[in-house]
Amino acid sequence: MADPHHDAHGADDYQRGEMAIGEQAATWKLVQAMFSWGSLAIAALLLGLVMAFRPGGNIFLGLFLCVALFAVGAVWLKSGSKKAH
């Protein structure tokens, strides 16, 4: 059975961790960037393919819309919040 809480071990004895988390923070930032850019690339590719291969579609229209969506999305992602948490 678990040890009961003793008054000798008060809440003031707790010490917060002091481990450096720079590598974990950098990895998480990379993962977020990969999700953002990957989602944008998939959306642009999907739009281009749908517009190119739909009945009556045009491959040049699909290519143009793909590039246009990626360009607008890239500007939007680059101008994102730079505020650290």
PDB file of N, CA and C in Angstrom:
ATOM      1  N   MET A   1       0.841  -1.171   0.000  1.00  0.00           N
ATOM      2  CA  MET A   1       0.000   0.000   0.000  1.00  0.00           C
ATOM      3  C   MET A   1       0.887   1.235   0.000  1.00  0.00           C
ATOM      4  N   ALA A   2       0.383   2.314  -0.541  1.00  0.00           N
ATOM      5  CA  ALA A   2       1.162   3.544  -0.664  1.00  0.00           C
ATOM      6  C   ALA A   2       1.422   4.162   0.705  1.00  0.00           C
ATOM      7  N   ASP A   3       2.538   4.848   0.784  1.00  0.00           N
ATOM      8  CA  ASP A   3       2.873   5.569   2.008  1.00  0.00           C
ATOM      9  C   ASP A   3       1.908   6.728   2.213  1.00  0.00           C
ATOM     10  N   PRO A   4       1.405   6.899   3.414  1.00  0.00           N
ATOM     11  CA  PRO A   4       0.554   8.065   3.661  1.00  0.00           C
ATOM     12  C   PRO A   4       1.422   9.330   3.686  1.00  0.00           C
ATOM     13  N   HIS A   5       0.793  10.445   3.413  1.00  0.00           N
ATOM     14  CA  HIS A   5       1.503  11.729   3.416  1.00  0.00           C
ATOM     15  C   HIS A   5       1.839  12.107   4.859  1.00  0.00           C
ATOM     16  N   HIS A   6       3.109  12.455   5.067  1.00  0.00           N
ATOM     17  CA  HIS A   6       3.546  12.866   6.400  1.00  0.00           C
ATOM     18  C   HIS A   6       3.774  14.366   6.406  1.00  0.00           C
ATOM     19  N   ASP A   7       3.522  14.965   7.539  1.00  0.00           N
ATOM     20  CA  ASP A   7       3.729  16.411   7.670  1.00  0.00           C
ATOM     21  C   ASP A   7       5.204  16.776   7.577  1.00  0.00           C
ATOM     22  N   ALA A   8       6.101  15.825   7.782  1.00  0.00           N
ATOM     23  CA  ALA A   8       7.531  16.101   7.696  1.00  0.00           C
ATOM     24  C   ALA A   8       7.942  16.415   6.255  1.00  0.00           C
ATOM     25  N   HIS A   9       7.143  15.990   5.301  1.00  0.00           N
ATOM     26  CA  HIS A   9       7.426  16.244   3.887  1.00  0.00           C
ATOM     27  C   HIS A   9       6.397  17.238   3.367  1.00  0.00           C
ATOM     28  N   GLY A  10       6.536  18.477   3.728  1.00  0.00           N
ATOM     29  CA  GLY A  10       5.582  19.515   3.358  1.00  0.00           C
ATOM     30  C   GLY A  10       5.704  19.940   1.905  1.00  0.00           C
ATOM     31  N   ALA A  11       4.757  20.727   1.485  1.00  0.00           N
ATOM     32  CA  ALA A  11       4.722  21.207   0.104  1.00  0.00           C
ATOM     33  C   ALA A  11       5.888  22.155  -0.187  1.00  0.00           C
ATOM     34  N   ASP A  12       6.461  22.758   0.846  1.00  0.00           N
ATOM     35  CA  ASP A  12       7.577  23.685   0.639  1.00  0.00           C
ATOM     36  C   ASP A  12       8.865  22.945   0.276  1.00  0.00           C
ATOM     37  N   ASP A  13       8.912  21.641   0.508  1.00  0.00           N
ATOM     38  CA  ASP A  13      10.108  20.866   0.187  1.00  0.00           C
ATOM     39  C   ASP A  13      10.242  20.572  -1.308  1.00  0.00           C
ATOM     40  N   TYR A  14       9.187  20.785  -2.049  1.00  0.00           N
ATOM     41  CA  TYR A  14       9.207  20.484  -3.484  1.00  0.00           C
ATOM     42  C   TYR A  14      10.109  21.465  -4.220  1.00  0.00           C
ATOM     43  N   GLN A  15      10.959  20.946  -5.093  1.00  0.00           N
ATOM     44  CA  GLN A  15      11.845  21.796  -5.892  1.00  0.00           C
ATOM     45  C   GLN A  15      11.502  21.592  -7.356  1.00  0.00           C
ATOM     46  N   ARG A  16      11.325  22.694  -8.044  1.00  0.00           N
ATOM     47  CA  ARG A  16      11.020  22.606  -9.479  1.00  0.00           C
ATOM     48  C   ARG A  16      12.245  22.128 -10.228  1.00  0.00           C
ATOM     49  N   GLY A  17      12.012  21.434 -11.337  1.00  0.00           N
ATOM     50  CA  GLY A  17      13.091  20.908 -12.155  1.00  0.00           C
ATOM     51  C   GLY A  17      13.918  22.011 -12.793  1.00  0.00           C
ATOM     52  N   GLU A  18      15.162  21.723 -13.035  1.00  0.00           N
ATOM     53  CA  GLU A  18      16.072  22.699 -13.611  1.00  0.00           C
ATOM     54  C   GLU A  18      16.717  22.159 -14.887  1.00  0.00           C
ATOM     55  N   MET A  19      16.065  21.187 -15.533  1.00  0.00           N
ATOM     56  CA  MET A  19      16.630  20.585 -16.724  1.00  0.00           C
ATOM     57  C   MET A  19      16.487  21.526 -17.916  1.00  0.00           C
ATOM     58  N   ALA A  20      17.537  21.627 -18.706  1.00  0.00           N
ATOM     59  CA  ALA A  20      17.486  22.444 -19.913  1.00  0.00           C
ATOM     60  C   ALA A  20      16.663  21.708 -20.981  1.00  0.00           C
ATOM     61  N   ILE A  21      15.694  22.398 -21.554  1.00  0.00           N
ATOM     62  CA  ILE A  21      14.829  21.758 -22.540  1.00  0.00           C
ATOM     63  C   ILE A  21      14.979  22.405 -23.915  1.00  0.00           C
ATOM     64  N   GLY A  22      16.139  22.950 -24.194  1.00  0.00           N
ATOM     65  CA  GLY A  22      16.370  23.610 -25.471  1.00  0.00           C
ATOM     66  C   GLY A  22      16.197  22.688 -26.659  1.00  0.00           C
ATOM     67  N   GLU A  23      16.710  21.468 -26.551  1.00  0.00           N
ATOM     68  CA  GLU A  23      16.597  20.518 -27.660  1.00  0.00           C
ATOM     69  C   GLU A  23      15.148  20.093 -27.879  1.00  0.00           C
ATOM     70  N   GLN A  24      14.406  19.869 -26.805  1.00  0.00           N
ATOM     71  CA  GLN A  24      13.010  19.485 -26.938  1.00  0.00           C
ATOM     72  C   GLN A  24      12.196  20.619 -27.551  1.00  0.00           C
ATOM     73  N   ALA A  25      12.465  21.849 -27.141  1.00  0.00           N
ATOM     74  CA  ALA A  25      11.746  22.998 -27.697  1.00  0.00           C
ATOM     75  C   ALA A  25      12.058  23.166 -29.181  1.00  0.00           C
ATOM     76  N   ALA A  26      13.309  22.974 -29.571  1.00  0.00           N
ATOM     77  CA  ALA A  26      13.688  23.085 -30.977  1.00  0.00           C
ATOM     78  C   ALA A  26      13.044  21.975 -31.801  1.00  0.00           C
ATOM     79  N   THR A  27      12.973  20.772 -31.248  1.00  0.00           N
ATOM     80  CA  THR A  27      12.334  19.663 -31.949  1.00  0.00           C
ATOM     81  C   THR A  27      10.846  19.929 -32.135  1.00  0.00           C
ATOM     82  N   TRP A  28      10.189  20.435 -31.101  1.00  0.00           N
ATOM     83  CA  TRP A  28       8.765  20.727 -31.205  1.00  0.00           C
ATOM     84  C   TRP A  28       8.502  21.832 -32.230  1.00  0.00           C
ATOM     85  N   LYS A  29       9.376  22.835 -32.273  1.00  0.00           N
ATOM     86  CA  LYS A  29       9.235  23.907 -33.261  1.00  0.00           C
ATOM     87  C   LYS A  29       9.375  23.343 -34.678  1.00  0.00           C
ATOM     88  N   LEU A  30      10.309  22.418 -34.864  1.00  0.00           N
ATOM     89  CA  LEU A  30      10.493  21.774 -36.164  1.00  0.00           C
ATOM     90  C   LEU A  30       9.265  20.952 -36.546  1.00  0.00           C
ATOM     91  N   VAL A  31       8.707  20.206 -35.613  1.00  0.00           N
ATOM     92  CA  VAL A  31       7.522  19.390 -35.885  1.00  0.00           C
ATOM     93  C   VAL A  31       6.347  20.284 -36.277  1.00  0.00           C
ATOM     94  N   GLN A  32       6.153  21.392 -35.568  1.00  0.00           N
ATOM     95  CA  GLN A  32       5.078  22.305 -35.920  1.00  0.00           C
ATOM     96  C   GLN A  32       5.271  22.887 -37.313  1.00  0.00           C
ATOM     97  N   ALA A  33       6.487  23.241 -37.653  1.00  0.00           N
ATOM     98  CA  ALA A  33       6.763  23.783 -38.987  1.00  0.00           C
ATOM     99  C   ALA A  33       6.513  22.726 -40.061  1.00  0.00           C
ATOM    100  N   MET A  34       6.915  21.491 -39.795  1.00  0.00           N
ATOM    101  CA  MET A  34       6.689  20.421 -40.770  1.00  0.00           C
ATOM    102  C   MET A  34       5.197  20.163 -40.972  1.00  0.00           C
ATOM    103  N   PHE A  35       4.418  20.196 -39.898  1.00  0.00           N
ATOM    104  CA  PHE A  35       2.970  20.030 -40.029  1.00  0.00           C
ATOM    105  C   PHE A  35       2.361  21.173 -40.832  1.00  0.00           C
ATOM    106  N   SER A  36       2.772  22.396 -40.545  1.00  0.00           N
ATOM    107  CA  SER A  36       2.212  23.559 -41.228  1.00  0.00           C
ATOM    108  C   SER A  36       2.546  23.546 -42.714  1.00  0.00           C
ATOM    109  N   TRP A  37       3.823  23.410 -43.034  1.00  0.00           N
ATOM    110  CA  TRP A  37       4.239  23.421 -44.442  1.00  0.00           C
ATOM    111  C   TRP A  37       3.750  22.186 -45.182  1.00  0.00           C
ATOM    112  N   GLY A  38       3.726  21.055 -44.517  1.00  0.00           N
ATOM    113  CA  GLY A  38       3.222  19.839 -45.142  1.00  0.00           C
ATOM    114  C   GLY A  38       1.737  19.932 -45.452  1.00  0.00           C
ATOM    115  N   SER A  39       0.963  20.492 -44.523  1.00  0.00           N
ATOM    116  CA  SER A  39      -0.469  20.672 -44.755  1.00  0.00           C
ATOM    117  C   SER A  39      -0.717  21.628 -45.913  1.00  0.00           C
ATOM    118  N   LEU A  40       0.063  22.685 -45.979  1.00  0.00           N
ATOM    119  CA  LEU A  40      -0.069  23.631 -47.086  1.00  0.00           C
ATOM    120  C   LEU A  40       0.259  22.960 -48.413  1.00  0.00           C
ATOM    121  N   ALA A  41       1.323  22.185 -48.451  1.00  0.00           N
ATOM    122  CA  ALA A  41       1.710  21.507 -49.689  1.00  0.00           C
ATOM    123  C   ALA A  41       0.649  20.499 -50.127  1.00  0.00           C
ATOM    124  N   ILE A  42       0.094  19.751 -49.191  1.00  0.00           N
ATOM    125  CA  ILE A  42      -0.942  18.781 -49.523  1.00  0.00           C
ATOM    126  C   ILE A  42      -2.194  19.489 -50.039  1.00  0.00           C
ATOM    127  N   ALA A  43      -2.594  20.585 -49.395  1.00  0.00           N
ATOM    128  CA  ALA A  43      -3.775  21.328 -49.833  1.00  0.00           C
ATOM    129  C   ALA A  43      -3.577  21.906 -51.231  1.00  0.00           C
ATOM    130  N   ALA A  44      -2.400  22.472 -51.492  1.00  0.00           N
ATOM    131  CA  ALA A  44      -2.129  23.048 -52.810  1.00  0.00           C
ATOM    132  C   ALA A  44      -2.107  21.962 -53.878  1.00  0.00           C
ATOM    133  N   LEU A  45      -1.471  20.852 -53.591  1.00  0.00           N
ATOM    134  CA  LEU A  45      -1.412  19.748 -54.549  1.00  0.00           C
ATOM    135  C   LEU A  45      -2.799  19.180 -54.821  1.00  0.00           C
ATOM    136  N   LEU A  46      -3.583  19.012 -53.775  1.00  0.00           N
ATOM    137  CA  LEU A  46      -4.930  18.482 -53.929  1.00  0.00           C
ATOM    138  C   LEU A  46      -5.797  19.425 -54.761  1.00  0.00           C
ATOM    139  N   LEU A  47      -5.718  20.726 -54.496  1.00  0.00           N
ATOM    140  CA  LEU A  47      -6.477  21.690 -55.290  1.00  0.00           C
ATOM    141  C   LEU A  47      -6.050  21.637 -56.754  1.00  0.00           C
ATOM    142  N   GLY A  48      -4.752  21.598 -56.991  1.00  0.00           N
ATOM    143  CA  GLY A  48      -4.259  21.538 -58.364  1.00  0.00           C
ATOM    144  C   GLY A  48      -4.724  20.291 -59.093  1.00  0.00           C
ATOM    145  N   LEU A  49      -4.653  19.142 -58.438  1.00  0.00           N
ATOM    146  CA  LEU A  49      -5.073  17.889 -59.065  1.00  0.00           C
ATOM    147  C   LEU A  49      -6.575  17.857 -59.325  1.00  0.00           C
ATOM    148  N   VAL A  50      -7.361  18.340 -58.388  1.00  0.00           N
ATOM    149  CA  VAL A  50      -8.811  18.357 -58.571  1.00  0.00           C
ATOM    150  C   VAL A  50      -9.193  19.265 -59.733  1.00  0.00           C
ATOM    151  N   MET A  51      -8.603  20.447 -59.789  1.00  0.00           N
ATOM    152  CA  MET A  51      -8.942  21.379 -60.868  1.00  0.00           C
ATOM    153  C   MET A  51      -8.414  20.895 -62.221  1.00  0.00           C
ATOM    154  N   ALA A  52      -7.321  20.171 -62.233  1.00  0.00           N
ATOM    155  CA  ALA A  52      -6.752  19.693 -63.492  1.00  0.00           C
ATOM    156  C   ALA A  52      -7.515  18.494 -64.051  1.00  0.00           C
ATOM    157  N   PHE A  53      -7.965  17.603 -63.194  1.00  0.00           N
ATOM    158  CA  PHE A  53      -8.546  16.354 -63.674  1.00  0.00           C
ATOM    159  C   PHE A  53     -10.059  16.263 -63.504  1.00  0.00           C
ATOM    160  N   ARG A  54     -10.705  17.332 -63.163  1.00  0.00           N
ATOM    161  CA  ARG A  54     -12.170  17.306 -63.108  1.00  0.00           C
ATOM    162  C   ARG A  54     -12.698  17.310 -64.540  1.00  0.00           C
ATOM    163  N   PRO A  55     -13.934  16.892 -64.744  1.00  0.00           N
ATOM    164  CA  PRO A  55     -14.488  16.930 -66.101  1.00  0.00           C
ATOM    165  C   PRO A  55     -14.496  18.371 -66.630  1.00  0.00           C
ATOM    166  N   GLY A  56     -13.899  18.567 -67.756  1.00  0.00           N
ATOM    167  CA  GLY A  56     -13.807  19.905 -68.332  1.00  0.00           C
ATOM    168  C   GLY A  56     -12.686  20.722 -67.710  1.00  0.00           C
ATOM    169  N   GLY A  57     -11.843  20.081 -66.932  1.00  0.00           N
ATOM    170  CA  GLY A  57     -10.765  20.789 -66.248  1.00  0.00           C
ATOM    171  C   GLY A  57      -9.604  21.101 -67.178  1.00  0.00           C
ATOM    172  N   ASN A  58      -8.700  21.878 -66.674  1.00  0.00           N
ATOM    173  CA  ASN A  58      -7.551  22.315 -67.452  1.00  0.00           C
ATOM    174  C   ASN A  58      -6.307  22.134 -66.594  1.00  0.00           C
ATOM    175  N   ILE A  59      -5.290  21.479 -67.125  1.00  0.00           N
ATOM    176  CA  ILE A  59      -4.082  21.208 -66.344  1.00  0.00           C
ATOM    177  C   ILE A  59      -3.339  22.497 -66.007  1.00  0.00           C
ATOM    178  N   PHE A  60      -3.423  23.479 -66.901  1.00  0.00           N
ATOM    179  CA  PHE A  60      -2.738  24.749 -66.628  1.00  0.00           C
ATOM    180  C   PHE A  60      -3.450  25.541 -65.536  1.00  0.00           C
ATOM    181  N   LEU A  61      -4.782  25.474 -65.510  1.00  0.00           N
ATOM    182  CA  LEU A  61      -5.537  26.103 -64.424  1.00  0.00           C
ATOM    183  C   LEU A  61      -5.195  25.433 -63.095  1.00  0.00           C
ATOM    184  N   GLY A  62      -5.128  24.110 -63.107  1.00  0.00           N
ATOM    185  CA  GLY A  62      -4.769  23.387 -61.886  1.00  0.00           C
ATOM    186  C   GLY A  62      -3.381  23.741 -61.396  1.00  0.00           C
ATOM    187  N   LEU A  63      -2.439  23.829 -62.316  1.00  0.00           N
ATOM    188  CA  LEU A  63      -1.073  24.201 -61.951  1.00  0.00           C
ATOM    189  C   LEU A  63      -1.015  25.626 -61.420  1.00  0.00           C
ATOM    190  N   PHE A  64      -1.733  26.531 -62.088  1.00  0.00           N
ATOM    191  CA  PHE A  64      -1.760  27.926 -61.632  1.00  0.00           C
ATOM    192  C   PHE A  64      -2.349  28.035 -60.236  1.00  0.00           C
ATOM    193  N   LEU A  65      -3.479  27.377 -59.996  1.00  0.00           N
ATOM    194  CA  LEU A  65      -4.116  27.440 -58.675  1.00  0.00           C
ATOM    195  C   LEU A  65      -3.254  26.795 -57.599  1.00  0.00           C
ATOM    196  N   CYS A  66      -2.560  25.724 -57.950  1.00  0.00           N
ATOM    197  CA  CYS A  66      -1.652  25.063 -57.007  1.00  0.00           C
ATOM    198  C   CYS A  66      -0.543  26.020 -56.569  1.00  0.00           C
ATOM    199  N   VAL A  67       0.082  26.658 -57.543  1.00  0.00           N
ATOM    200  CA  VAL A  67       1.172  27.598 -57.240  1.00  0.00           C
ATOM    201  C   VAL A  67       0.635  28.811 -56.488  1.00  0.00           C
ATOM    202  N   ALA A  68      -0.532  29.311 -56.909  1.00  0.00           N
ATOM    203  CA  ALA A  68      -1.107  30.490 -56.259  1.00  0.00           C
ATOM    204  C   ALA A  68      -1.449  30.201 -54.799  1.00  0.00           C
ATOM    205  N   LEU A  69      -2.087  29.050 -54.538  1.00  0.00           N
ATOM    206  CA  LEU A  69      -2.430  28.707 -53.151  1.00  0.00           C
ATOM    207  C   LEU A  69      -1.173  28.529 -52.309  1.00  0.00           C
ATOM    208  N   PHE A  70      -0.152  27.883 -52.880  1.00  0.00           N
ATOM    209  CA  PHE A  70       1.077  27.701 -52.116  1.00  0.00           C
ATOM    210  C   PHE A  70       1.745  29.044 -51.833  1.00  0.00           C
ATOM    211  N   ALA A  71       1.727  29.969 -52.796  1.00  0.00           N
ATOM    212  CA  ALA A  71       2.341  31.285 -52.591  1.00  0.00           C
ATOM    213  C   ALA A  71       1.604  32.072 -51.512  1.00  0.00           C
ATOM    214  N   VAL A  72       0.281  32.087 -51.583  1.00  0.00           N
ATOM    215  CA  VAL A  72      -0.501  32.807 -50.571  1.00  0.00           C
ATOM    216  C   VAL A  72      -0.309  32.165 -49.199  1.00  0.00           C
ATOM    217  N   GLY A  73      -0.324  30.850 -49.152  1.00  0.00           N
ATOM    218  CA  GLY A  73      -0.111  30.140 -47.884  1.00  0.00           C
ATOM    219  C   GLY A  73       1.279  30.369 -47.313  1.00  0.00           C
ATOM    220  N   ALA A  74       2.286  30.440 -48.190  1.00  0.00           N
ATOM    221  CA  ALA A  74       3.658  30.679 -47.721  1.00  0.00           C
ATOM    222  C   ALA A  74       3.780  32.068 -47.108  1.00  0.00           C
ATOM    223  N   VAL A  75       3.155  33.054 -47.748  1.00  0.00           N
ATOM    224  CA  VAL A  75       3.173  34.416 -47.188  1.00  0.00           C
ATOM    225  C   VAL A  75       2.473  34.423 -45.839  1.00  0.00           C
ATOM    226  N   TRP A  76       1.347  33.717 -45.755  1.00  0.00           N
ATOM    227  CA  TRP A  76       0.598  33.672 -44.506  1.00  0.00           C
ATOM    228  C   TRP A  76       1.396  32.965 -43.405  1.00  0.00           C
ATOM    229  N   LEU A  77       2.051  31.856 -43.747  1.00  0.00           N
ATOM    230  CA  LEU A  77       2.846  31.146 -42.741  1.00  0.00           C
ATOM    231  C   LEU A  77       4.062  31.958 -42.308  1.00  0.00           C
ATOM    232  N   LYS A  78       4.698  32.641 -43.237  1.00  0.00           N
ATOM    233  CA  LYS A  78       5.879  33.457 -42.893  1.00  0.00           C
ATOM    234  C   LYS A  78       5.505  34.631 -42.008  1.00  0.00           C
ATOM    235  N   SER A  79       4.293  35.163 -42.158  1.00  0.00           N
ATOM    236  CA  SER A  79       3.897  36.324 -41.377  1.00  0.00           C
ATOM    237  C   SER A  79       3.225  35.935 -40.068  1.00  0.00           C
ATOM    238  N   GLY A  80       3.313  34.678 -39.698  1.00  0.00           N
ATOM    239  CA  GLY A  80       2.670  34.179 -38.483  1.00  0.00           C
ATOM    240  C   GLY A  80       3.212  34.823 -37.227  1.00  0.00           C
ATOM    241  N   SER A  81       2.618  34.465 -36.126  1.00  0.00           N
ATOM    242  CA  SER A  81       2.985  35.022 -34.827  1.00  0.00           C
ATOM    243  C   SER A  81       4.419  34.663 -34.468  1.00  0.00           C
ATOM    244  N   LYS A  82       5.201  35.648 -34.121  1.00  0.00           N
ATOM    245  CA  LYS A  82       6.590  35.433 -33.714  1.00  0.00           C
ATOM    246  C   LYS A  82       6.734  35.481 -32.189  1.00  0.00           C
ATOM    247  N   LYS A  83       5.612  35.614 -31.503  1.00  0.00           N
ATOM    248  CA  LYS A  83       5.634  35.742 -30.053  1.00  0.00           C
ATOM    249  C   LYS A  83       5.945  34.403 -29.397  1.00  0.00           C
ATOM    250  N   ALA A  84       6.901  34.388 -28.513  1.00  0.00           N
ATOM    251  CA  ALA A  84       7.258  33.157 -27.792  1.00  0.00           C
ATOM    252  C   ALA A  84       6.281  32.948 -26.636  1.00  0.00           C
ATOM    253  N   HIS A  85       6.060  31.704 -26.305  1.00  0.00           N
ATOM    254  CA  HIS A  85       5.147  31.379 -25.198  1.00  0.00           C
ATOM    255  C   HIS A  85       5.890  31.348 -23.904  1.00  0.00           C
TER     256      HIS A  85
END
